[in-house]
């Protein structure tokens, strides 16, 4: 079951019991001259847990939420086992469980590292870099990314680095953000210029050739409700349409802002030496 739902239900139950104790049960205990004046077990635990659950609910739903990085799709920016903090209000304040945006604060910007619910299975959380926002034109040719017709600045830092001996390490820069990416030199998935539709975002992993992102997750199957949209005017050699996956606005969770711990597995000790901002 969804942890957010459990947290809401737990807060609601303990809150109701706490309120009933405040308005009803406590007065009855005072009038009962034969009792010991102590609350029952459920009331006692509810009085203890309600403030804690309420605080966690507010912090987790509206301010910051921790996540763990389970895969290498965002290498070298984020490592497997990184624990990150996600700013929940960067993209608007949303109600827990139903995810309805009730207060507009901001929208994803190009270059942001965003967490969102995977459009094809919203029980899963994904993290990718925002490449295109509504109205942007994106293309990718021979590992060169183009945004609105302009090539994204890139610099080769190292061929076959020790941490990734089959990759090239590059730095890309656009929209005032500098970040590193991995490219596998023997593989390239090019796509022609596409227009990012309103209410959607185009995302890619920094580990460019090892990331399930907007380029791949639709697997050629259009489905508008999950953001799998046909790019008009393009077909492959078999006559099938080009289908790209866009992140619908309503699936956004927040902006990843910092790494606060690295703990790759339970057999190792957590490390706090990798604390850093996420660029």
C-alpha atoms as a PDB file:
ATOM      1  CA  UNK A   1       0.000   0.000   0.000  1.00  0.00           C
ATOM      2  CA  UNK A   2       1.122   3.559  -0.713  1.00  0.00           C
ATOM      3  CA  UNK A   3       3.063   4.985   2.256  1.00  0.00           C
ATOM      4  CA  UNK A   4       1.431   8.393   1.761  1.00  0.00           C
ATOM      5  CA  UNK A   5      -2.008   6.822   2.139  1.00  0.00           C
ATOM      6  CA  UNK A   6      -0.943   4.974   5.286  1.00  0.00           C
ATOM      7  CA  UNK A   7       0.478   8.192   6.721  1.00  0.00           C
ATOM      8  CA  UNK A   8      -2.712  10.121   5.983  1.00  0.00           C
ATOM      9  CA  UNK A   9      -4.912   7.383   7.471  1.00  0.00           C
ATOM     10  CA  UNK A  10      -2.711   7.103  10.554  1.00  0.00           C
ATOM     11  CA  UNK A  11      -2.734  10.855  11.089  1.00  0.00           C
ATOM     12  CA  UNK A  12      -6.490  11.018  10.570  1.00  0.00           C
ATOM     13  CA  UNK A  13      -7.234   8.178  12.998  1.00  0.00           C
ATOM     14  CA  UNK A  14      -4.952   9.399  15.773  1.00  0.00           C
ATOM     15  CA  UNK A  15      -6.156  12.962  15.216  1.00  0.00           C
ATOM     16  CA  UNK A  16      -9.807  11.981  15.633  1.00  0.00           C
ATOM     17  CA  UNK A  17      -9.020  10.035  18.806  1.00  0.00           C
ATOM     18  CA  UNK A  18      -6.938  12.957  20.144  1.00  0.00           C
ATOM     19  CA  UNK A  19      -9.780  15.402  19.442  1.00  0.00           C
ATOM     20  CA  UNK A  20     -12.396  13.138  21.047  1.00  0.00           C
ATOM     21  CA  UNK A  21     -10.189  12.787  24.098  1.00  0.00           C
ATOM     22  CA  UNK A  22      -9.777  16.556  24.301  1.00  0.00           C
ATOM     23  CA  UNK A  23     -13.510  17.280  23.980  1.00  0.00           C
ATOM     24  CA  UNK A  24     -15.186  14.225  25.546  1.00  0.00           C
ATOM     25  CA  UNK A  25     -13.103  11.474  27.145  1.00  0.00           C
ATOM     26  CA  UNK A  26     -10.942  13.716  29.326  1.00  0.00           C
ATOM     27  CA  UNK A  27     -13.989  15.355  30.919  1.00  0.00           C
ATOM     28  CA  UNK A  28     -15.535  11.974  31.648  1.00  0.00           C
ATOM     29  CA  UNK A  29     -12.355  10.750  33.319  1.00  0.00           C
ATOM     30  CA  UNK A  30     -12.335  13.793  35.599  1.00  0.00           C
ATOM     31  CA  UNK A  31     -15.940  13.136  36.644  1.00  0.00           C
ATOM     32  CA  UNK A  32     -15.278   9.457  37.305  1.00  0.00           C
ATOM     33  CA  UNK A  33     -14.367   9.414  40.999  1.00  0.00           C
ATOM     34  CA  UNK A  34     -13.793   5.662  41.024  1.00  0.00           C
ATOM     35  CA  UNK A  35     -11.381   5.499  38.076  1.00  0.00           C
ATOM     36  CA  UNK A  36      -7.643   6.142  38.065  1.00  0.00           C
ATOM     37  CA  UNK A  37      -8.022   9.017  35.581  1.00  0.00           C
ATOM     38  CA  UNK A  38      -5.698   7.427  33.060  1.00  0.00           C
ATOM     39  CA  UNK A  39      -6.662   7.181  29.365  1.00  0.00           C
ATOM     40  CA  UNK A  40      -7.044   3.845  27.620  1.00  0.00           C
ATOM     41  CA  UNK A  41      -4.253   2.358  25.552  1.00  0.00           C
ATOM     42  CA  UNK A  42      -5.634   3.565  22.196  1.00  0.00           C
ATOM     43  CA  UNK A  43      -6.155   7.090  23.531  1.00  0.00           C
ATOM     44  CA  UNK A  44      -2.720   7.177  25.144  1.00  0.00           C
ATOM     45  CA  UNK A  45      -0.935   6.043  21.974  1.00  0.00           C
ATOM     46  CA  UNK A  46      -2.998   8.397  19.799  1.00  0.00           C
ATOM     47  CA  UNK A  47      -2.124  11.361  22.012  1.00  0.00           C
ATOM     48  CA  UNK A  48       1.546  10.440  21.699  1.00  0.00           C
ATOM     49  CA  UNK A  49       1.673   9.662  17.988  1.00  0.00           C
ATOM     50  CA  UNK A  50      -0.680  12.272  16.519  1.00  0.00           C
ATOM     51  CA  UNK A  51       1.697  15.293  16.810  1.00  0.00           C
ATOM     52  CA  UNK A  52       4.558  13.252  15.355  1.00  0.00           C
ATOM     53  CA  UNK A  53       2.501  11.874  12.456  1.00  0.00           C
ATOM     54  CA  UNK A  54       1.028  15.300  11.733  1.00  0.00           C
ATOM     55  CA  UNK A  55       4.490  16.876  11.599  1.00  0.00           C
ATOM     56  CA  UNK A  56       5.838  14.136   9.323  1.00  0.00           C
ATOM     57  CA  UNK A  57       2.781  14.454   7.061  1.00  0.00           C
ATOM     58  CA  UNK A  58       3.249  18.211   6.666  1.00  0.00           C
ATOM     59  CA  UNK A  59       7.004  17.981   6.093  1.00  0.00           C
ATOM     60  CA  UNK A  60       6.788  15.057   3.667  1.00  0.00           C
ATOM     61  CA  UNK A  61       3.764  16.266   1.716  1.00  0.00           C
ATOM     62  CA  UNK A  62       4.463  19.978   1.381  1.00  0.00           C
ATOM     63  CA  UNK A  63       8.148  20.665   2.088  1.00  0.00           C
ATOM     64  CA  UNK A  64      10.759  17.932   1.604  1.00  0.00           C
ATOM     65  CA  UNK A  65      10.661  14.188   1.017  1.00  0.00           C
ATOM     66  CA  UNK A  66      13.628  11.765   1.053  1.00  0.00           C
ATOM     67  CA  UNK A  67      14.198   9.298  -1.781  1.00  0.00           C
ATOM     68  CA  UNK A  68      16.812   6.653  -2.528  1.00  0.00           C
ATOM     69  CA  UNK A  69      18.435   6.262  -5.948  1.00  0.00           C
ATOM     70  CA  UNK A  70      17.999   2.579  -6.960  1.00  0.00           C
ATOM     71  CA  UNK A  71      19.511   2.616 -10.470  1.00  0.00           C
ATOM     72  CA  UNK A  72      22.365   4.083 -12.479  1.00  0.00           C
ATOM     73  CA  UNK A  73      20.287   6.038 -15.003  1.00  0.00           C
ATOM     74  CA  UNK A  74      21.441   9.384 -13.549  1.00  0.00           C
ATOM     75  CA  UNK A  75      25.142   8.561 -13.322  1.00  0.00           C
ATOM     76  CA  UNK A  76      27.485  10.371 -12.896  1.00  0.00           C
ATOM     77  CA  UNK A  77      25.284  13.003 -11.222  1.00  0.00           C
ATOM     78  CA  UNK A  78      23.596  10.548  -8.854  1.00  0.00           C
ATOM     79  CA  UNK A  79      25.051   7.238  -7.715  1.00  0.00           C
ATOM     80  CA  UNK A  80      23.237   4.037  -6.840  1.00  0.00           C
ATOM     81  CA  UNK A  81      22.596   4.262  -3.105  1.00  0.00           C
ATOM     82  CA  UNK A  82      22.448   8.057  -2.899  1.00  0.00           C
ATOM     83  CA  UNK A  83      19.755   9.363  -0.574  1.00  0.00           C
ATOM     84  CA  UNK A  84      18.344  12.637  -1.829  1.00  0.00           C
ATOM     85  CA  UNK A  85      16.049  15.390  -0.636  1.00  0.00           C
ATOM     86  CA  UNK A  86      13.245  16.490  -2.952  1.00  0.00           C
ATOM     87  CA  UNK A  87      11.702  19.934  -2.662  1.00  0.00           C
ATOM     88  CA  UNK A  88       7.950  19.243  -2.783  1.00  0.00           C
ATOM     89  CA  UNK A  89       6.783  22.838  -3.253  1.00  0.00           C
ATOM     90  CA  UNK A  90       9.063  23.819  -6.165  1.00  0.00           C
ATOM     91  CA  UNK A  91       6.446  22.684  -8.677  1.00  0.00           C
ATOM     92  CA  UNK A  92       3.381  23.671  -6.671  1.00  0.00           C
ATOM     93  CA  UNK A  93       1.760  22.550  -3.426  1.00  0.00           C
ATOM     94  CA  UNK A  94      -0.184  19.314  -3.891  1.00  0.00           C
ATOM     95  CA  UNK A  95      -2.548  17.402  -1.666  1.00  0.00           C
ATOM     96  CA  UNK A  96      -1.194  14.023  -0.511  1.00  0.00           C
ATOM     97  CA  UNK A  97      -2.613  10.830  -2.044  1.00  0.00           C
ATOM     98  CA  UNK A  98      -4.790  12.602  -4.670  1.00  0.00           C
ATOM     99  CA  UNK A  99      -1.865  14.767  -5.920  1.00  0.00           C
ATOM    100  CA  UNK A 100      -4.126  17.700  -6.816  1.00  0.00           C
ATOM    101  CA  UNK A 101      -2.200  20.962  -7.118  1.00  0.00           C
ATOM    102  CA  UNK A 102      -3.820  23.533  -4.832  1.00  0.00           C
ATOM    103  CA  UNK A 103      -1.184  26.271  -4.983  1.00  0.00           C
ATOM    104  CA  UNK A 104       0.918  27.177  -7.996  1.00  0.00           C
ATOM    105  CA  UNK A 105       4.448  28.071  -6.938  1.00  0.00           C
ATOM    106  CA  UNK A 106       6.568  27.267  -9.980  1.00  0.00           C
ATOM    107  CA  UNK A 107       7.138  24.902 -12.885  1.00  0.00           C
ATOM    108  CA  UNK A 108      10.058  22.676 -13.907  1.00  0.00           C
ATOM    109  CA  UNK A 109      12.862  24.539 -15.622  1.00  0.00           C
ATOM    110  CA  UNK A 110      15.261  23.156 -18.258  1.00  0.00           C
ATOM    111  CA  UNK A 111      18.151  21.470 -16.483  1.00  0.00           C
ATOM    112  CA  UNK A 112      16.220  20.618 -13.307  1.00  0.00           C
ATOM    113  CA  UNK A 113      16.605  17.142 -11.847  1.00  0.00           C
ATOM    114  CA  UNK A 114      12.974  16.205 -11.262  1.00  0.00           C
ATOM    115  CA  UNK A 115      11.227  13.364  -9.461  1.00  0.00           C
ATOM    116  CA  UNK A 116       7.905  12.246 -10.918  1.00  0.00           C
ATOM    117  CA  UNK A 117       5.561   9.294 -10.796  1.00  0.00           C
ATOM    118  CA  UNK A 118       6.338   7.002 -13.731  1.00  0.00           C
ATOM    119  CA  UNK A 119       3.480   7.685 -16.175  1.00  0.00           C
ATOM    120  CA  UNK A 120       3.078   4.000 -17.115  1.00  0.00           C
ATOM    121  CA  UNK A 121       2.934   2.861 -13.465  1.00  0.00           C
ATOM    122  CA  UNK A 122       2.374   5.659 -10.965  1.00  0.00           C
ATOM    123  CA  UNK A 123       3.303   3.408  -8.059  1.00  0.00           C
ATOM    124  CA  UNK A 124       6.929   3.951  -9.135  1.00  0.00           C
ATOM    125  CA  UNK A 125       8.944   7.146  -8.726  1.00  0.00           C
ATOM    126  CA  UNK A 126      11.417   8.115 -11.444  1.00  0.00           C
ATOM    127  CA  UNK A 127      14.152  10.731 -11.436  1.00  0.00           C
ATOM    128  CA  UNK A 128      15.471  12.328 -14.639  1.00  0.00           C
ATOM    129  CA  UNK A 129      16.760  15.628 -15.936  1.00  0.00           C
ATOM    130  CA  UNK A 130      14.253  18.008 -17.528  1.00  0.00           C
ATOM    131  CA  UNK A 131      15.383  18.647 -21.098  1.00  0.00           C
ATOM    132  CA  UNK A 132      12.311  20.238 -22.648  1.00  0.00           C
ATOM    133  CA  UNK A 133       9.417  22.257 -21.247  1.00  0.00           C
ATOM    134  CA  UNK A 134       6.134  23.033 -23.043  1.00  0.00           C
ATOM    135  CA  UNK A 135       6.799  24.738 -26.370  1.00  0.00           C
ATOM    136  CA  UNK A 136      10.430  23.620 -26.675  1.00  0.00           C
ATOM    137  CA  UNK A 137      11.674  21.845 -29.792  1.00  0.00           C
ATOM    138  CA  UNK A 138      14.064  18.995 -28.992  1.00  0.00           C
ATOM    139  CA  UNK A 139      16.218  16.799 -31.216  1.00  0.00           C
ATOM    140  CA  UNK A 140      19.129  14.408 -30.659  1.00  0.00           C
ATOM    141  CA  UNK A 141      21.563  13.598 -33.464  1.00  0.00           C
ATOM    142  CA  UNK A 142      24.812  11.648 -33.077  1.00  0.00           C
ATOM    143  CA  UNK A 143      24.700  12.215 -29.299  1.00  0.00           C
ATOM    144  CA  UNK A 144      24.369  15.968 -29.766  1.00  0.00           C
ATOM    145  CA  UNK A 145      21.336  17.460 -28.044  1.00  0.00           C
ATOM    146  CA  UNK A 146      19.570  20.381 -29.729  1.00  0.00           C
ATOM    147  CA  UNK A 147      17.058  22.651 -27.998  1.00  0.00           C
ATOM    148  CA  UNK A 148      15.067  25.095 -30.099  1.00  0.00           C
ATOM    149  CA  UNK A 149      17.499  24.600 -32.969  1.00  0.00           C
ATOM    150  CA  UNK A 150      20.609  25.398 -30.914  1.00  0.00           C
ATOM    151  CA  UNK A 151      23.173  22.739 -29.984  1.00  0.00           C
ATOM    152  CA  UNK A 152      23.663  22.267 -26.277  1.00  0.00           C
ATOM    153  CA  UNK A 153      27.240  23.171 -25.346  1.00  0.00           C
ATOM    154  CA  UNK A 154      29.261  20.057 -24.503  1.00  0.00           C
ATOM    155  CA  UNK A 155      32.868  19.378 -23.588  1.00  0.00           C
ATOM    156  CA  UNK A 156      34.654  16.042 -23.529  1.00  0.00           C
ATOM    157  CA  UNK A 157      36.228  15.632 -20.106  1.00  0.00           C
ATOM    158  CA  UNK A 158      37.559  12.078 -20.266  1.00  0.00           C
ATOM    159  CA  UNK A 159      37.441   8.984 -22.457  1.00  0.00           C
ATOM    160  CA  UNK A 160      36.743   5.750 -20.602  1.00  0.00           C
ATOM    161  CA  UNK A 161      37.013   7.020 -16.994  1.00  0.00           C
ATOM    162  CA  UNK A 162      37.833   4.577 -14.209  1.00  0.00           C
ATOM    163  CA  UNK A 163      34.289   4.688 -12.799  1.00  0.00           C
ATOM    164  CA  UNK A 164      32.789   3.903 -16.236  1.00  0.00           C
ATOM    165  CA  UNK A 165      35.443   2.294 -18.453  1.00  0.00           C
ATOM    166  CA  UNK A 166      33.105   1.820 -21.435  1.00  0.00           C
ATOM    167  CA  UNK A 167      31.795   5.406 -21.487  1.00  0.00           C
ATOM    168  CA  UNK A 168      32.880   8.911 -22.386  1.00  0.00           C
ATOM    169  CA  UNK A 169      32.478  11.568 -19.677  1.00  0.00           C
ATOM    170  CA  UNK A 170      31.217  14.908 -20.967  1.00  0.00           C
ATOM    171  CA  UNK A 171      29.944  18.151 -19.493  1.00  0.00           C
ATOM    172  CA  UNK A 172      26.829  19.758 -20.920  1.00  0.00           C
ATOM    173  CA  UNK A 173      25.734  23.315 -20.284  1.00  0.00           C
ATOM    174  CA  UNK A 174      22.400  24.930 -21.005  1.00  0.00           C
ATOM    175  CA  UNK A 175      19.928  27.230 -19.322  1.00  0.00           C
ATOM    176  CA  UNK A 176      22.599  28.250 -16.826  1.00  0.00           C
ATOM    177  CA  UNK A 177      23.153  24.685 -15.581  1.00  0.00           C
ATOM    178  CA  UNK A 178      26.399  22.708 -15.918  1.00  0.00           C
ATOM    179  CA  UNK A 179      26.234  18.941 -15.419  1.00  0.00           C
ATOM    180  CA  UNK A 180      28.117  15.799 -16.417  1.00  0.00           C
ATOM    181  CA  UNK A 181      26.810  12.971 -18.615  1.00  0.00           C
ATOM    182  CA  UNK A 182      27.987   9.566 -19.756  1.00  0.00           C
ATOM    183  CA  UNK A 183      27.860   8.589 -23.429  1.00  0.00           C
ATOM    184  CA  UNK A 184      28.507   5.117 -24.796  1.00  0.00           C
ATOM    185  CA  UNK A 185      30.431   5.876 -28.007  1.00  0.00           C
ATOM    186  CA  UNK A 186      29.284   2.784 -29.927  1.00  0.00           C
ATOM    187  CA  UNK A 187      25.560   3.430 -29.544  1.00  0.00           C
ATOM    188  CA  UNK A 188      23.288   6.293 -30.534  1.00  0.00           C
ATOM    189  CA  UNK A 189      19.501   6.646 -30.556  1.00  0.00           C
ATOM    190  CA  UNK A 190      18.766   9.678 -32.705  1.00  0.00           C
ATOM    191  CA  UNK A 191      15.393  11.331 -32.984  1.00  0.00           C
ATOM    192  CA  UNK A 192      14.203  14.222 -35.156  1.00  0.00           C
ATOM    193  CA  UNK A 193      12.936  17.541 -33.880  1.00  0.00           C
ATOM    194  CA  UNK A 194       9.884  17.118 -31.650  1.00  0.00           C
ATOM    195  CA  UNK A 195       7.659  19.708 -30.025  1.00  0.00           C
ATOM    196  CA  UNK A 196       7.001  19.361 -26.291  1.00  0.00           C
ATOM    197  CA  UNK A 197       3.211  19.703 -25.866  1.00  0.00           C
ATOM    198  CA  UNK A 198       1.475  21.870 -23.301  1.00  0.00           C
ATOM    199  CA  UNK A 199       1.226  20.363 -19.851  1.00  0.00           C
ATOM    200  CA  UNK A 200       4.075  17.918 -20.500  1.00  0.00           C
ATOM    201  CA  UNK A 201       7.857  17.683 -20.091  1.00  0.00           C
ATOM    202  CA  UNK A 202      10.604  15.823 -21.940  1.00  0.00           C
ATOM    203  CA  UNK A 203      13.188  14.126 -19.702  1.00  0.00           C
ATOM    204  CA  UNK A 204      16.418  12.183 -20.135  1.00  0.00           C
ATOM    205  CA  UNK A 205      18.847  10.436 -17.808  1.00  0.00           C
ATOM    206  CA  UNK A 206      22.405  11.746 -17.499  1.00  0.00           C
ATOM    207  CA  UNK A 207      23.600   8.196 -18.208  1.00  0.00           C
ATOM    208  CA  UNK A 208      22.376   8.763 -21.746  1.00  0.00           C
ATOM    209  CA  UNK A 209      22.693   5.280 -23.202  1.00  0.00           C
ATOM    210  CA  UNK A 210      21.537   3.442 -20.080  1.00  0.00           C
ATOM    211  CA  UNK A 211      18.353   5.243 -19.107  1.00  0.00           C
ATOM    212  CA  UNK A 212      14.688   4.402 -19.520  1.00  0.00           C
ATOM    213  CA  UNK A 213      13.389   7.876 -20.232  1.00  0.00           C
ATOM    214  CA  UNK A 214      11.185   9.875 -22.610  1.00  0.00           C
ATOM    215  CA  UNK A 215      12.908   8.299 -25.593  1.00  0.00           C
ATOM    216  CA  UNK A 216      12.156   4.694 -24.725  1.00  0.00           C
ATOM    217  CA  UNK A 217       9.467   3.945 -22.164  1.00  0.00           C
ATOM    218  CA  UNK A 218       6.491   4.052 -24.566  1.00  0.00           C
ATOM    219  CA  UNK A 219       8.058   1.344 -26.778  1.00  0.00           C
ATOM    220  CA  UNK A 220       6.199   2.620 -29.827  1.00  0.00           C
ATOM    221  CA  UNK A 221       2.752   2.341 -28.200  1.00  0.00           C
ATOM    222  CA  UNK A 222       0.746   5.602 -28.151  1.00  0.00           C
ATOM    223  CA  UNK A 223      -1.399   6.293 -25.102  1.00  0.00           C
ATOM    224  CA  UNK A 224      -2.351   9.909 -24.486  1.00  0.00           C
ATOM    225  CA  UNK A 225      -3.311   9.474 -20.821  1.00  0.00           C
ATOM    226  CA  UNK A 226       0.212   8.339 -19.924  1.00  0.00           C
ATOM    227  CA  UNK A 227       1.948  10.946 -22.090  1.00  0.00           C
ATOM    228  CA  UNK A 228       2.895   8.516 -24.890  1.00  0.00           C
ATOM    229  CA  UNK A 229       2.207  10.747 -27.870  1.00  0.00           C
ATOM    230  CA  UNK A 230       2.677  10.325 -31.606  1.00  0.00           C
ATOM    231  CA  UNK A 231       5.123  12.787 -33.163  1.00  0.00           C
ATOM    232  CA  UNK A 232       3.374  13.864 -36.367  1.00  0.00           C
ATOM    233  CA  UNK A 233       5.205  13.611 -39.674  1.00  0.00           C
ATOM    234  CA  UNK A 234       7.658  10.859 -38.779  1.00  0.00           C
ATOM    235  CA  UNK A 235       7.615   7.114 -39.441  1.00  0.00           C
ATOM    236  CA  UNK A 236      10.219   4.377 -39.183  1.00  0.00           C
ATOM    237  CA  UNK A 237      11.216   2.003 -41.985  1.00  0.00           C
ATOM    238  CA  UNK A 238       8.220  -0.230 -41.232  1.00  0.00           C
ATOM    239  CA  UNK A 239       5.804   2.678 -41.454  1.00  0.00           C
ATOM    240  CA  UNK A 240       5.143   2.829 -37.714  1.00  0.00           C
ATOM    241  CA  UNK A 241       4.750   6.273 -36.146  1.00  0.00           C
ATOM    242  CA  UNK A 242       7.354   7.794 -33.849  1.00  0.00           C
ATOM    243  CA  UNK A 243       6.047   7.720 -30.264  1.00  0.00           C
ATOM    244  CA  UNK A 244       7.731   9.710 -27.509  1.00  0.00           C
ATOM    245  CA  UNK A 245       7.026   9.661 -23.786  1.00  0.00           C
ATOM    246  CA  UNK A 246       6.328  12.951 -22.066  1.00  0.00           C
ATOM    247  CA  UNK A 247       5.886  13.515 -18.342  1.00  0.00           C
ATOM    248  CA  UNK A 248       2.373  14.864 -17.634  1.00  0.00           C
ATOM    249  CA  UNK A 249       2.327  17.824 -15.260  1.00  0.00           C
ATOM    250  CA  UNK A 250       0.059  16.032 -12.792  1.00  0.00           C
ATOM    251  CA  UNK A 251       2.668  13.304 -12.185  1.00  0.00           C
ATOM    252  CA  UNK A 252       5.354  15.710 -10.939  1.00  0.00           C
ATOM    253  CA  UNK A 253       6.576  15.123  -7.375  1.00  0.00           C
ATOM    254  CA  UNK A 254       9.274  17.744  -6.889  1.00  0.00           C
ATOM    255  CA  UNK A 255      12.771  19.013  -7.602  1.00  0.00           C
ATOM    256  CA  UNK A 256      15.791  17.044  -6.350  1.00  0.00           C
ATOM    257  CA  UNK A 257      17.984  19.531  -4.499  1.00  0.00           C
ATOM    258  CA  UNK A 258      20.591  17.669  -2.429  1.00  0.00           C
ATOM    259  CA  UNK A 259      22.267  14.375  -1.627  1.00  0.00           C
ATOM    260  CA  UNK A 260      22.357  13.913   2.140  1.00  0.00           C
ATOM    261  CA  UNK A 261      23.713  10.360   2.469  1.00  0.00           C
ATOM    262  CA  UNK A 262      25.212   7.522   0.445  1.00  0.00           C
ATOM    263  CA  UNK A 263      24.341   3.964   1.505  1.00  0.00           C
ATOM    264  CA  UNK A 264      24.636   1.428  -1.340  1.00  0.00           C
ATOM    265  CA  UNK A 265      23.491  -1.620   0.657  1.00  0.00           C
ATOM    266  CA  UNK A 266      22.743  -2.829   4.174  1.00  0.00           C
ATOM    267  CA  UNK A 267      26.073  -4.657   4.395  1.00  0.00           C
ATOM    268  CA  UNK A 268      27.952  -1.340   4.224  1.00  0.00           C
ATOM    269  CA  UNK A 269      28.045   1.682   6.469  1.00  0.00           C
ATOM    270  CA  UNK A 270      26.242   4.877   5.405  1.00  0.00           C
ATOM    271  CA  UNK A 271      28.539   7.700   4.317  1.00  0.00           C
ATOM    272  CA  UNK A 272      27.886  11.380   4.851  1.00  0.00           C
ATOM    273  CA  UNK A 273      31.005  12.594   3.076  1.00  0.00           C
ATOM    274  CA  UNK A 274      29.101  12.757  -0.235  1.00  0.00           C
ATOM    275  CA  UNK A 275      26.671  15.453   0.951  1.00  0.00           C
ATOM    276  CA  UNK A 276      26.231  17.893  -1.933  1.00  0.00           C
ATOM    277  CA  UNK A 277      23.832  20.018  -3.908  1.00  0.00           C
ATOM    278  CA  UNK A 278      22.358  18.518  -7.042  1.00  0.00           C
ATOM    279  CA  UNK A 279      23.094  20.472 -10.201  1.00  0.00           C
END
